[in-house]
Amino acid sequence: MERSNQETPEKQIREFASRKPAMKSDTKFVIFYILSVSLDPLLLYSLILDDDRKCVVVDTKFEKIAIVLRSLADLLYIADFGFHAVCILAALPVPQIAIWVLFPKLRASRALNRMRIMNSLILLQYVPRIYPIYRHCKDLNKTKLDNDISDHLIRGKTRVALLNFIIYILASHVFGAFWYFFSIQRQIECWGYACQSGNGCEFRIFDCDDGTLRNVTLLNDLCPVNPSNAKVFDFGIYLDALQSGMLGSTDFPRKVLQCFSWGIRNLSSFGSNLKTSMNAGEALFVVFISISGLLLFIYLLGHLQTFMQATNKEYWIRQKMRKIESDIKRMSDEYGLSNASGDIHKIVRRRLRREEDLAVENIFSILPFYVQDIIKCHLLLPKLRDVPTLQGIHQNVLNAILKDLEHVMYDGGNCIIREGEPLDMMIFISRGRVLTYNTTSTGHGEGGSGLSNTIGPWLTGGDFYGEELISWAATSTSSHWPISNKTLKAHQKVEVFAIRASALLLIVSEHEEYFNTETQRPHPTDNTLIEINDHEHGNS
């Protein structure tokens, strides 16, 4: 328990107060994962629909930029997660291979089935890529005050609420990008159906200059967009994208903004305004939008409520701290720790955040055990060395006594120890004033006798009483405690640190080699301890 001489108690308390919580997750990781997932949809925007020539053009310049950014994100995934299943699945270059390698080889008649396979792979890969965001946000949301060292509660709740809102924006961005991507596929799907009813469709969709014949008239008749004809082919929720002309636009910001707008509108309305065709994949996409919107809304609403509760709680804590601020300052001054007053204030505030109904009448008792040990060592170790019976004794004995010293408060007028009763504890006064007096018989009065009190010296902070209990524990073979020859009475509110007779008896028996015993003491037996405890309960 003895602290390093190079570190003052104020410095040790300041270091404890300045500790940050050990968090499983860090906000910067969540931000990285959000940015990483937000880059994935950019690759989908590299496809441009050329409706005049009935083909799809790949913006190679933008495609290369998107692939490089996605590859860098994959490397960072590996750096954070290591080489295990989640990391490998998240880092697989599925979109890169699909758009860069496989899609350019698709022909209209065989495009539909292969594109469905690619869609499944791309969508399934979002599970391991979104999982880190879920994991880190869950850790951040559930981070609690840890052993009285967490700080900045309101700032932390604000940060978490902002991250949850960003996730909502991210989901809108992703759904909008897939709406763009699926709109192009829906057009290709229509071309595939049209090719089944006529010739001239064996051309590569991703090669507008392959020299093959394209039956444009047939494709226009069987895939009407402007105006649309649901009886011929129902484009469902993708009709707006086709009619807007953005699928053929090279204006990248316009496309992203329009798709993001579509995503956030339908996510916030839970997809209630979307009218689907009979296409199963389209229906599943809308169902997923509706469920995702509902879950994100509940998630955001829950954390908004948590934030409001935290704000109200912080207001209550500030009100309570104002009431005890002077008590903390006075306690710090009386302990000789004036420079640590602000740090103790911070520690108490954290404790109140953990336990709302915590009683604050006794400031010392609500401090963490580590801080209590620092204060006890600072206050009592020099006093223990001043006790004549303990002068020159080994540090192990002093540490054992410090460990067993109990913090006790007495209100003014209460007796701490009574004259003529067993002395069951040794006390060290840390705050307040204690009146001591003896009661003697005067031999006068109606009954031939009387009593008078002789006032003894006042005991104040730094004084101790009950030293004879140490001598008794070291030399006596009896389990009967010594008798107090004084009465100690709290004149005002008094704070003491007390060690019980039974604790001293155990300490002496465990460190007998450090005591000069006049009589060989036996080790305390269970019966002896029971007898001592019976005395304690009988005098309580």
Protein backbone atom coordinates (compact mmCIF):
# COMPACT_ATOMS: atom_id res chain seq x y z
CA MET A 1 0.00 0.00 0.00
CA GLU A 2 2.97 2.29 0.34
CA ARG A 3 3.15 4.64 -2.61
CA SER A 4 6.20 5.70 -4.53
CA ASN A 5 8.03 8.61 -2.95
CA GLN A 6 8.37 10.17 -6.38
CA GLU A 7 4.62 10.51 -6.81
CA THR A 8 2.61 12.79 -4.57
CA PRO A 9 -0.97 11.85 -3.64
CA GLU A 10 -2.23 14.77 -5.74
CA LYS A 11 -0.42 13.44 -8.79
CA GLN A 12 -1.72 9.90 -8.27
CA ILE A 13 -5.30 11.16 -7.92
CA ARG A 14 -4.89 13.39 -10.98
CA GLU A 15 -3.63 10.45 -13.04
CA PHE A 16 -6.60 8.37 -11.96
CA ALA A 17 -9.05 11.17 -12.72
CA SER A 18 -7.56 11.70 -16.17
CA ARG A 19 -7.81 8.07 -17.23
CA LYS A 20 -9.97 7.36 -20.22
CA PRO A 21 -12.37 4.43 -20.42
CA ALA A 22 -11.09 1.23 -21.94
CA MET A 23 -13.45 1.00 -24.88
CA LYS A 24 -13.84 -2.01 -27.10
CA SER A 25 -14.42 0.26 -30.06
CA ASP A 26 -13.24 3.61 -31.21
CA THR A 27 -15.25 6.16 -33.17
CA LYS A 28 -12.53 6.45 -35.80
CA PHE A 29 -12.95 2.77 -36.70
CA VAL A 30 -16.69 3.22 -37.18
CA ILE A 31 -16.06 6.26 -39.40
CA PHE A 32 -13.57 4.24 -41.48
CA TYR A 33 -16.02 1.39 -41.99
CA ILE A 34 -18.81 3.78 -42.91
CA LEU A 35 -16.58 5.49 -45.49
CA SER A 36 -15.50 2.09 -46.77
CA VAL A 37 -19.05 0.87 -47.32
CA SER A 38 -20.00 4.23 -48.84
CA LEU A 39 -17.32 3.70 -51.50
CA ASP A 40 -18.71 0.32 -52.60
CA PRO A 41 -21.77 1.68 -54.46
CA LEU A 42 -19.60 4.06 -56.49
CA LEU A 43 -18.55 1.15 -58.67
CA LEU A 44 -22.19 0.57 -59.62
CA TYR A 45 -22.42 4.09 -61.02
CA SER A 46 -19.67 3.32 -63.55
CA LEU A 47 -22.28 1.62 -65.75
CA ILE A 48 -23.98 3.89 -68.32
CA LEU A 49 -26.98 2.80 -70.37
CA ASP A 50 -26.82 3.70 -74.07
CA ASP A 51 -30.47 3.34 -75.07
CA ASP A 52 -29.88 4.39 -78.68
CA ARG A 53 -27.49 1.55 -79.39
CA LYS A 54 -29.06 -0.85 -76.83
CA CYS A 55 -25.90 -1.48 -74.90
CA VAL A 56 -24.16 -0.63 -71.65
CA VAL A 57 -21.01 1.49 -71.55
CA VAL A 58 -18.51 1.28 -68.72
CA ASP A 59 -16.92 4.58 -67.64
CA THR A 60 -13.40 3.14 -67.44
CA LYS A 61 -11.85 6.21 -65.83
CA PHE A 62 -14.39 6.34 -63.05
CA GLU A 63 -14.32 2.53 -62.80
CA LYS A 64 -10.58 2.51 -62.14
CA ILE A 65 -10.91 5.17 -59.43
CA ALA A 66 -13.69 3.20 -57.72
CA ILE A 67 -11.73 -0.07 -57.92
CA VAL A 68 -8.61 1.51 -56.41
CA LEU A 69 -10.59 3.01 -53.54
CA ARG A 70 -12.40 -0.28 -52.91
CA SER A 71 -9.11 -2.21 -52.95
CA LEU A 72 -7.55 0.16 -50.41
CA ALA A 73 -10.57 -0.35 -48.16
CA ASP A 74 -10.15 -4.12 -48.50
CA LEU A 75 -6.53 -3.88 -47.36
CA LEU A 76 -7.60 -1.90 -44.30
CA TYR A 77 -10.22 -4.55 -43.53
CA ILE A 78 -7.47 -7.15 -43.48
CA ALA A 79 -5.26 -4.92 -41.31
CA ASP A 80 -8.01 -4.56 -38.70
CA PHE A 81 -9.59 -8.03 -38.68
CA GLY A 82 -6.68 -10.24 -39.70
CA PHE A 83 -6.97 -13.28 -41.90
CA HIS A 84 -10.17 -14.97 -40.81
CA ALA A 85 -13.55 -15.76 -42.33
CA VAL A 86 -15.22 -12.37 -41.91
CA CYS A 87 -12.20 -10.52 -43.25
CA ILE A 88 -11.79 -12.80 -46.27
CA LEU A 89 -15.48 -12.56 -47.21
CA ALA A 90 -15.49 -8.78 -46.78
CA ALA A 91 -12.33 -8.30 -48.85
CA LEU A 92 -13.23 -10.54 -51.78
CA PRO A 93 -13.19 -8.39 -54.96
CA VAL A 94 -16.68 -9.48 -56.02
CA PRO A 95 -17.87 -6.16 -57.54
CA GLN A 96 -14.53 -5.64 -59.28
CA ILE A 97 -14.64 -9.06 -60.91
CA ALA A 98 -18.32 -8.77 -61.78
CA ILE A 99 -18.07 -5.43 -63.59
CA TRP A 100 -14.50 -5.57 -64.85
CA VAL A 101 -14.25 -9.22 -65.95
CA LEU A 102 -17.59 -11.04 -66.19
CA PHE A 103 -20.13 -8.40 -67.23
CA PRO A 104 -18.33 -7.38 -70.45
CA LYS A 105 -18.69 -10.97 -71.73
CA LEU A 106 -22.44 -11.12 -71.20
CA ARG A 107 -24.71 -11.52 -74.22
CA ALA A 108 -28.34 -10.47 -74.13
CA SER A 109 -29.77 -13.98 -74.33
CA ARG A 110 -27.64 -15.29 -71.47
CA ALA A 111 -27.32 -12.12 -69.41
CA LEU A 112 -30.30 -12.57 -67.08
CA ASN A 113 -29.26 -15.69 -65.18
CA ARG A 114 -25.63 -14.63 -64.83
CA MET A 115 -26.60 -11.18 -63.59
CA ARG A 116 -28.87 -12.71 -60.98
CA ILE A 117 -25.95 -14.76 -59.70
CA MET A 118 -23.76 -11.66 -59.60
CA ASN A 119 -26.46 -9.73 -57.74
CA SER A 120 -26.67 -12.41 -55.08
CA LEU A 121 -22.90 -12.41 -54.57
CA ILE A 122 -22.68 -8.61 -54.36
CA LEU A 123 -25.58 -8.35 -51.92
CA LEU A 124 -24.35 -11.23 -49.76
CA GLN A 125 -20.94 -9.59 -49.44
CA TYR A 126 -22.56 -6.63 -47.74
CA VAL A 127 -23.20 -8.81 -44.68
CA PRO A 128 -19.51 -9.18 -43.71
CA ARG A 129 -18.82 -5.60 -44.79
CA ILE A 130 -21.61 -4.14 -42.66
CA TYR A 131 -20.88 -6.44 -39.72
CA PRO A 132 -17.89 -4.35 -38.45
CA ILE A 133 -20.13 -1.23 -38.38
CA TYR A 134 -22.76 -3.10 -36.40
CA ARG A 135 -20.14 -4.51 -34.02
CA HIS A 136 -18.43 -1.21 -33.32
CA CYS A 137 -21.68 0.76 -33.00
CA LYS A 138 -23.01 -1.84 -30.60
CA ASP A 139 -19.88 -1.51 -28.48
CA LEU A 140 -20.08 2.28 -28.55
CA ASN A 141 -23.77 2.29 -27.65
CA LYS A 142 -23.23 -0.13 -24.76
CA THR A 143 -20.09 1.49 -23.41
CA LYS A 144 -20.78 2.21 -19.76
CA LEU A 145 -18.92 4.08 -17.10
CA ASP A 146 -15.99 1.82 -16.27
CA ASN A 147 -14.72 1.82 -12.70
CA ASP A 148 -15.36 5.53 -12.28
CA ILE A 149 -12.95 6.55 -15.04
CA SER A 150 -15.18 7.20 -18.04
CA ASP A 151 -15.72 10.82 -18.99
CA HIS A 152 -17.54 13.20 -21.32
CA LEU A 153 -20.86 11.33 -21.18
CA ILE A 154 -22.88 13.91 -23.06
CA ARG A 155 -20.20 14.36 -25.70
CA GLY A 156 -20.05 10.58 -26.12
CA LYS A 157 -23.82 10.25 -26.43
CA THR A 158 -23.86 13.06 -29.00
CA ARG A 159 -21.17 11.30 -31.01
CA VAL A 160 -23.03 7.99 -30.92
CA ALA A 161 -26.29 9.67 -31.96
CA LEU A 162 -24.49 11.36 -34.87
CA LEU A 163 -22.99 8.03 -35.97
CA ASN A 164 -26.41 6.40 -35.90
CA PHE A 165 -27.77 9.20 -38.09
CA ILE A 166 -24.85 8.77 -40.50
CA ILE A 167 -25.71 5.06 -40.75
CA TYR A 168 -29.21 6.07 -41.82
CA ILE A 169 -27.70 8.31 -44.52
CA LEU A 170 -25.36 5.50 -45.57
CA ALA A 171 -28.24 3.08 -45.97
CA SER A 172 -30.05 5.59 -48.19
CA HIS A 173 -26.91 5.97 -50.31
CA VAL A 174 -26.52 2.20 -50.71
CA PHE A 175 -30.18 1.58 -51.55
CA GLY A 176 -30.11 4.41 -54.09
CA ALA A 177 -27.04 2.96 -55.80
CA PHE A 178 -28.62 -0.48 -56.03
CA TRP A 179 -31.80 1.08 -57.42
CA TYR A 180 -29.62 2.58 -60.18
CA PHE A 181 -27.85 -0.73 -60.76
CA PHE A 182 -31.05 -2.79 -60.76
CA SER A 183 -32.70 -0.30 -63.14
CA ILE A 184 -30.01 -1.02 -65.74
CA GLN A 185 -30.44 -4.73 -65.13
CA ARG A 186 -34.21 -4.40 -65.50
CA GLN A 187 -33.69 -2.82 -68.92
CA ILE A 188 -31.28 -5.61 -69.88
CA GLU A 189 -33.81 -8.14 -68.57
CA CYS A 190 -36.43 -6.65 -70.88
CA TRP A 191 -34.03 -6.89 -73.80
CA GLY A 192 -33.50 -10.53 -72.91
CA TYR A 193 -37.23 -11.25 -73.01
CA ALA A 194 -37.51 -9.35 -76.27
CA CYS A 195 -34.74 -11.42 -77.81
CA GLN A 196 -36.64 -14.59 -77.06
CA SER A 197 -39.36 -13.49 -79.49
CA GLY A 198 -37.14 -12.43 -82.35
CA ASN A 199 -33.71 -12.56 -83.93
CA GLY A 200 -30.81 -10.15 -83.82
CA CYS A 201 -30.04 -10.31 -80.13
CA GLU A 202 -26.75 -12.20 -80.06
CA PHE A 203 -24.69 -9.14 -79.24
CA ARG A 204 -22.52 -8.27 -76.28
CA ILE A 205 -24.37 -5.89 -74.03
CA PHE A 206 -21.18 -4.30 -72.75
CA ASP A 207 -19.63 -3.83 -76.19
CA CYS A 208 -21.42 -1.18 -78.20
CA ASP A 209 -19.00 -1.50 -81.14
CA ASP A 210 -18.85 -5.28 -81.55
CA GLY A 211 -20.22 -5.02 -85.11
CA THR A 212 -23.16 -7.34 -84.51
CA LEU A 213 -26.68 -6.58 -85.63
CA ARG A 214 -29.04 -5.06 -83.10
CA ASN A 215 -32.76 -5.13 -83.78
CA VAL A 216 -33.41 -1.72 -82.20
CA THR A 217 -36.99 -1.49 -83.45
CA LEU A 218 -37.89 -4.81 -81.87
CA LEU A 219 -36.31 -3.84 -78.56
CA ASN A 220 -38.09 -0.45 -78.54
CA ASP A 221 -41.45 -2.04 -79.24
CA LEU A 222 -41.14 -4.75 -76.60
CA CYS A 223 -39.44 -2.56 -73.97
CA PRO A 224 -41.41 0.72 -74.07
CA VAL A 225 -40.20 3.39 -71.65
CA ASN A 226 -41.42 6.75 -72.96
CA PRO A 227 -44.32 6.24 -72.93
CA SER A 228 -44.39 3.08 -70.87
CA ASN A 229 -46.80 0.21 -71.33
CA ALA A 230 -47.11 -2.10 -68.33
CA LYS A 231 -49.09 -4.60 -70.40
CA VAL A 232 -46.11 -5.11 -72.70
CA PHE A 233 -43.42 -4.95 -69.98
CA ASP A 234 -43.81 -3.62 -66.42
CA PHE A 235 -40.64 -1.91 -65.19
CA GLY A 236 -42.14 -1.42 -61.72
CA ILE A 237 -40.11 0.75 -59.34
CA TYR A 238 -37.36 1.21 -61.95
CA LEU A 239 -39.49 3.11 -64.44
CA ASP A 240 -38.65 6.51 -62.93
CA ALA A 241 -34.93 5.86 -63.32
CA LEU A 242 -35.38 4.84 -66.96
CA GLN A 243 -37.64 7.77 -67.83
CA SER A 244 -35.43 10.35 -66.10
CA GLY A 245 -32.57 9.63 -68.49
CA MET A 246 -30.02 9.52 -65.66
CA LEU A 247 -29.00 5.94 -66.57
CA GLY A 248 -27.41 7.33 -69.72
CA SER A 249 -25.98 10.44 -68.10
CA THR A 250 -22.28 11.00 -67.45
CA ASP A 251 -23.07 13.64 -64.83
CA PHE A 252 -21.91 11.63 -61.83
CA PRO A 253 -22.93 14.08 -59.03
CA ARG A 254 -26.44 14.36 -60.51
CA LYS A 255 -26.85 10.59 -60.61
CA VAL A 256 -25.64 10.08 -57.05
CA LEU A 257 -27.82 12.89 -55.67
CA GLN A 258 -30.92 11.68 -57.51
CA CYS A 259 -30.43 8.09 -56.37
CA PHE A 260 -29.67 9.18 -52.80
CA SER A 261 -32.87 11.24 -52.83
CA TRP A 262 -34.82 8.18 -53.96
CA GLY A 263 -33.19 6.08 -51.26
CA ILE A 264 -33.81 8.40 -48.32
CA ARG A 265 -37.41 9.13 -49.38
CA ASN A 266 -38.35 5.47 -49.60
CA LEU A 267 -36.31 4.40 -46.58
CA SER A 268 -37.97 7.06 -44.41
CA SER A 269 -41.42 6.07 -45.69
CA PHE A 270 -40.62 2.36 -45.23
CA GLY A 271 -41.14 1.83 -48.97
CA SER A 272 -44.87 2.45 -48.67
CA ASN A 273 -45.02 4.49 -51.90
CA LEU A 274 -43.28 1.91 -54.07
CA LYS A 275 -45.46 0.06 -56.56
CA THR A 276 -43.77 -3.09 -57.76
CA SER A 277 -44.28 -5.25 -60.78
CA MET A 278 -44.74 -9.02 -60.57
CA ASN A 279 -40.98 -9.51 -60.58
CA ALA A 280 -39.91 -11.51 -57.49
CA GLY A 281 -36.50 -9.89 -57.16
CA GLU A 282 -38.04 -6.43 -57.31
CA ALA A 283 -40.58 -7.35 -54.64
CA LEU A 284 -37.83 -8.68 -52.35
CA PHE A 285 -35.85 -5.46 -52.85
CA VAL A 286 -38.85 -3.37 -51.74
CA VAL A 287 -39.51 -5.64 -48.77
CA PHE A 288 -35.90 -5.26 -47.69
CA ILE A 289 -36.15 -1.46 -48.00
CA SER A 290 -39.30 -1.44 -45.85
CA ILE A 291 -37.82 -3.65 -43.13
CA SER A 292 -34.52 -1.75 -43.11
CA GLY A 293 -36.32 1.60 -42.86
CA LEU A 294 -38.44 0.38 -39.95
CA LEU A 295 -35.46 -1.08 -38.07
CA LEU A 296 -33.33 2.01 -38.58
CA PHE A 297 -36.19 4.24 -37.43
CA ILE A 298 -36.65 2.20 -34.24
CA TYR A 299 -32.88 2.18 -33.74
CA LEU A 300 -32.60 5.96 -34.11
CA LEU A 301 -35.66 6.59 -31.96
CA GLY A 302 -34.25 4.43 -29.19
CA HIS A 303 -30.95 6.26 -29.15
CA LEU A 304 -32.66 9.63 -29.31
CA GLN A 305 -34.55 8.68 -26.17
CA THR A 306 -31.30 7.52 -24.57
CA PHE A 307 -29.68 10.82 -25.45
CA MET A 308 -32.52 12.80 -23.90
CA GLN A 309 -32.34 10.71 -20.74
CA ALA A 310 -28.59 11.27 -20.57
CA THR A 311 -29.10 15.02 -20.96
CA ASN A 312 -31.63 15.10 -18.13
CA LYS A 313 -29.36 12.97 -15.99
CA GLU A 314 -26.43 15.31 -16.58
CA TYR A 315 -28.55 18.27 -15.49
CA TRP A 316 -29.51 16.45 -12.29
CA ILE A 317 -25.87 15.58 -11.61
CA ARG A 318 -24.80 19.20 -12.03
CA GLN A 319 -27.43 20.31 -9.55
CA LYS A 320 -26.29 17.71 -7.05
CA MET A 321 -22.63 18.55 -7.56
CA ARG A 322 -23.28 22.22 -6.82
CA LYS A 323 -24.67 21.22 -3.42
CA ILE A 324 -21.62 19.15 -2.43
CA GLU A 325 -18.92 21.24 -4.11
CA SER A 326 -18.09 23.05 -0.87
CA ASP A 327 -17.97 19.73 1.01
CA ILE A 328 -15.44 18.35 -1.46
CA LYS A 329 -13.31 21.49 -1.16
CA ARG A 330 -13.41 21.38 2.63
CA MET A 331 -12.59 17.67 2.73
CA SER A 332 -9.65 18.14 0.35
CA ASP A 333 -8.28 21.01 2.46
CA GLU A 334 -8.59 19.04 5.70
CA TYR A 335 -6.87 16.06 4.12
CA GLY A 336 -4.03 18.28 2.93
CA LEU A 337 -4.95 17.62 -0.69
CA SER A 338 -6.08 21.09 -1.77
CA ASN A 339 -4.53 20.69 -5.22
CA ALA A 340 -6.54 17.50 -5.79
CA SER A 341 -9.94 19.09 -5.08
CA GLY A 342 -10.83 19.44 -8.77
CA ASP A 343 -9.81 15.85 -9.53
CA ILE A 344 -11.85 14.50 -6.60
CA HIS A 345 -14.77 16.59 -7.87
CA LYS A 346 -14.44 14.93 -11.29
CA ILE A 347 -14.27 11.43 -9.77
CA VAL A 348 -17.36 12.01 -7.63
CA ARG A 349 -19.25 13.30 -10.67
CA ARG A 350 -18.42 10.12 -12.58
CA ARG A 351 -19.60 7.98 -9.71
CA LEU A 352 -22.91 9.81 -9.68
CA ARG A 353 -23.31 9.04 -13.37
CA ARG A 354 -23.02 5.36 -12.55
CA GLU A 355 -25.36 5.42 -9.55
CA GLU A 356 -28.08 8.05 -9.62
CA ASP A 357 -29.38 7.36 -6.11
CA LEU A 358 -25.98 7.41 -4.46
CA ALA A 359 -25.93 9.19 -1.09
CA VAL A 360 -23.31 11.94 -1.05
CA GLU A 361 -23.31 12.86 2.62
CA ASN A 362 -20.06 10.92 3.04
CA ILE A 363 -17.78 11.93 0.17
CA PHE A 364 -14.92 9.59 1.08
CA SER A 365 -17.11 6.49 1.04
CA ILE A 366 -18.16 7.00 -2.60
CA LEU A 367 -14.61 7.38 -3.89
CA PRO A 368 -13.14 4.38 -5.73
CA PHE A 369 -11.13 2.00 -3.57
CA TYR A 370 -7.94 2.97 -5.39
CA VAL A 371 -8.39 6.64 -4.49
CA GLN A 372 -9.41 5.70 -0.95
CA ASP A 373 -6.14 3.77 -0.58
CA ILE A 374 -4.16 6.79 -1.81
CA ILE A 375 -5.85 9.06 0.74
CA LYS A 376 -5.51 6.53 3.55
CA CYS A 377 -1.81 6.11 2.81
CA HIS A 378 -1.33 9.88 2.69
CA LEU A 379 -3.23 10.54 5.92
CA LEU A 380 -2.49 7.55 8.09
CA LEU A 381 0.88 6.07 7.18
CA PRO A 382 2.80 8.92 8.91
CA LYS A 383 0.45 8.61 11.92
CA LEU A 384 1.02 4.87 12.15
CA ARG A 385 4.76 5.47 12.24
CA ASP A 386 4.20 7.97 15.09
CA VAL A 387 2.48 5.33 17.24
CA PRO A 388 5.14 4.37 19.83
CA THR A 389 4.24 0.67 19.66
CA LEU A 390 4.70 0.65 15.89
CA GLN A 391 7.86 2.76 15.60
CA GLY A 392 10.52 0.97 13.58
CA ILE A 393 8.20 -1.87 12.66
CA HIS A 394 8.29 -3.48 9.20
CA GLN A 395 6.36 -1.90 6.35
CA ASN A 396 4.40 -5.13 5.80
CA VAL A 397 2.72 -4.66 9.19
CA LEU A 398 1.83 -1.05 8.41
CA ASN A 399 0.40 -2.07 5.04
CA ALA A 400 -1.74 -4.74 6.71
CA ILE A 401 -3.08 -2.22 9.23
CA LEU A 402 -3.80 0.34 6.50
CA LYS A 403 -5.72 -2.28 4.57
CA ASP A 404 -8.00 -3.08 7.54
CA LEU A 405 -8.67 0.50 8.61
CA GLU A 406 -12.38 1.23 8.23
CA HIS A 407 -13.84 4.63 7.49
CA VAL A 408 -16.49 5.61 10.08
CA MET A 409 -18.55 8.79 10.55
CA TYR A 410 -20.05 9.95 13.88
CA ASP A 411 -22.62 12.70 14.28
CA GLY A 412 -22.14 15.32 16.95
CA GLY A 413 -23.11 14.10 20.45
CA ASN A 414 -22.57 10.40 19.72
CA CYS A 415 -20.19 8.39 21.86
CA ILE A 416 -17.35 6.74 20.01
CA ILE A 417 -15.84 4.84 22.96
CA ARG A 418 -17.23 4.63 26.51
CA GLU A 419 -15.20 4.57 29.69
CA GLY A 420 -15.29 1.24 31.50
CA GLU A 421 -16.32 -0.71 28.40
CA PRO A 422 -14.07 -3.03 26.38
CA LEU A 423 -11.77 -1.19 24.00
CA ASP A 424 -12.71 -2.99 20.78
CA MET A 425 -11.01 -0.68 18.30
CA MET A 426 -8.17 1.75 17.76
CA ILE A 427 -9.11 4.98 16.00
CA PHE A 428 -7.30 7.63 13.97
CA ILE A 429 -9.16 10.94 13.74
CA SER A 430 -9.04 12.57 10.32
CA ARG A 431 -11.69 15.31 10.59
CA GLY A 432 -13.66 16.95 13.39
CA ARG A 433 -13.18 17.34 17.17
CA VAL A 434 -13.57 14.67 19.83
CA LEU A 435 -14.23 15.38 23.52
CA THR A 436 -12.49 13.07 26.02
CA TYR A 437 -13.39 12.84 29.70
CA ASN A 438 -13.20 10.62 32.80
CA THR A 439 -16.02 9.96 35.21
CA THR A 440 -15.01 9.71 38.90
CA SER A 441 -16.85 9.25 42.16
CA THR A 442 -16.88 12.31 44.50
CA GLY A 443 -18.20 10.55 47.62
CA HIS A 444 -20.90 13.21 48.14
CA GLY A 445 -24.62 13.42 47.52
CA GLU A 446 -27.79 12.10 49.04
CA GLY A 447 -26.70 8.52 48.71
CA GLY A 448 -23.27 9.26 50.05
CA SER A 449 -21.68 9.20 46.64
CA GLY A 450 -21.65 11.32 43.46
CA LEU A 451 -20.09 11.45 40.03
CA SER A 452 -18.03 14.11 38.34
CA ASN A 453 -16.52 14.37 34.89
CA THR A 454 -12.96 15.41 34.30
CA ILE A 455 -12.46 16.85 30.86
CA GLY A 456 -9.38 15.54 29.08
CA PRO A 457 -7.53 16.89 26.07
CA TRP A 458 -9.48 17.43 22.85
CA LEU A 459 -8.64 15.08 19.99
CA THR A 460 -8.61 16.54 16.48
CA GLY A 461 -7.46 15.57 13.01
CA GLY A 462 -4.19 13.65 13.19
CA ASP A 463 -4.71 12.30 16.74
CA PHE A 464 -5.25 8.64 17.58
CA TYR A 465 -6.59 6.67 20.53
CA GLY A 466 -6.42 3.03 21.61
CA GLU A 467 -2.71 2.27 21.25
CA GLU A 468 -2.90 -0.23 24.11
CA LEU A 469 -4.94 -2.48 21.82
CA ILE A 470 -1.76 -3.14 19.80
CA SER A 471 0.16 -4.13 22.93
CA TRP A 472 -2.71 -6.38 23.95
CA ALA A 473 -2.76 -8.06 20.52
CA ALA A 474 1.03 -8.56 20.64
CA THR A 475 1.46 -9.88 24.19
CA SER A 476 -1.79 -10.99 25.74
CA THR A 477 -2.89 -14.62 25.62
CA SER A 478 -6.41 -13.64 26.71
CA SER A 479 -9.25 -13.02 24.34
CA HIS A 480 -10.68 -10.36 26.66
CA TRP A 481 -10.10 -6.86 25.42
CA PRO A 482 -8.54 -4.09 27.51
CA ILE A 483 -10.91 -1.65 29.18
CA SER A 484 -11.11 1.98 28.07
CA ASN A 485 -10.29 4.52 30.78
CA LYS A 486 -11.88 7.40 28.87
CA THR A 487 -15.07 8.31 27.11
CA LEU A 488 -14.70 9.72 23.59
CA LYS A 489 -17.62 11.78 22.36
CA ALA A 490 -18.02 13.49 18.98
CA HIS A 491 -18.34 17.22 19.57
CA GLN A 492 -19.39 17.77 15.98
CA LYS A 493 -19.45 15.58 12.91
CA VAL A 494 -16.32 13.44 13.20
CA GLU A 495 -14.57 11.22 10.68
CA VAL A 496 -12.29 8.46 11.95
CA PHE A 497 -10.46 5.44 10.59
CA ALA A 498 -10.81 2.49 12.93
CA ILE A 499 -9.23 -0.94 13.10
CA ARG A 500 -11.04 -3.64 15.07
CA ALA A 501 -9.44 -5.73 17.81
CA SER A 502 -10.07 -8.95 15.90
CA ALA A 503 -8.29 -7.51 12.84
CA LEU A 504 -5.28 -6.46 14.93
CA LEU A 505 -5.13 -9.92 16.49
CA LEU A 506 -4.94 -11.53 13.06
CA ILE A 507 -2.32 -9.05 11.84
CA VAL A 508 -0.07 -9.74 14.84
CA SER A 509 -0.46 -13.49 14.47
CA GLU A 510 0.45 -13.29 10.76
CA HIS A 511 3.45 -10.97 11.35
CA GLU A 512 4.56 -12.21 14.76
CA GLU A 513 8.21 -12.05 13.83
CA TYR A 514 8.04 -8.24 13.68
CA PHE A 515 6.67 -7.79 17.20
CA ASN A 516 8.57 -7.91 20.52
CA THR A 517 6.28 -10.20 22.46
CA GLU A 518 6.76 -10.63 26.18
CA THR A 519 4.62 -13.75 26.17
CA GLN A 520 4.51 -16.37 23.45
CA ARG A 521 1.13 -15.92 21.78
CA PRO A 522 -0.70 -18.88 20.29
CA HIS A 523 -2.17 -18.38 16.84
CA PRO A 524 -5.81 -17.37 17.20
CA THR A 525 -8.11 -20.35 17.03
CA ASP A 526 -11.61 -20.36 15.64
CA ASN A 527 -12.99 -20.39 19.18
CA THR A 528 -10.97 -17.28 20.06
CA LEU A 529 -12.27 -15.45 16.99
CA ILE A 530 -15.81 -16.47 17.80
CA GLU A 531 -15.43 -15.14 21.34
CA ILE A 532 -14.05 -11.83 20.04
CA ASN A 533 -16.86 -11.50 17.53
CA ASP A 534 -19.38 -12.21 20.27
CA HIS A 535 -17.92 -9.31 22.27
CA GLU A 536 -18.19 -7.07 19.20
CA HIS A 537 -21.82 -7.92 18.63
CA GLY A 538 -22.61 -7.59 22.30
CA ASN A 539 -21.29 -4.04 22.39
CA SER A 540 -22.68 -2.86 19.10
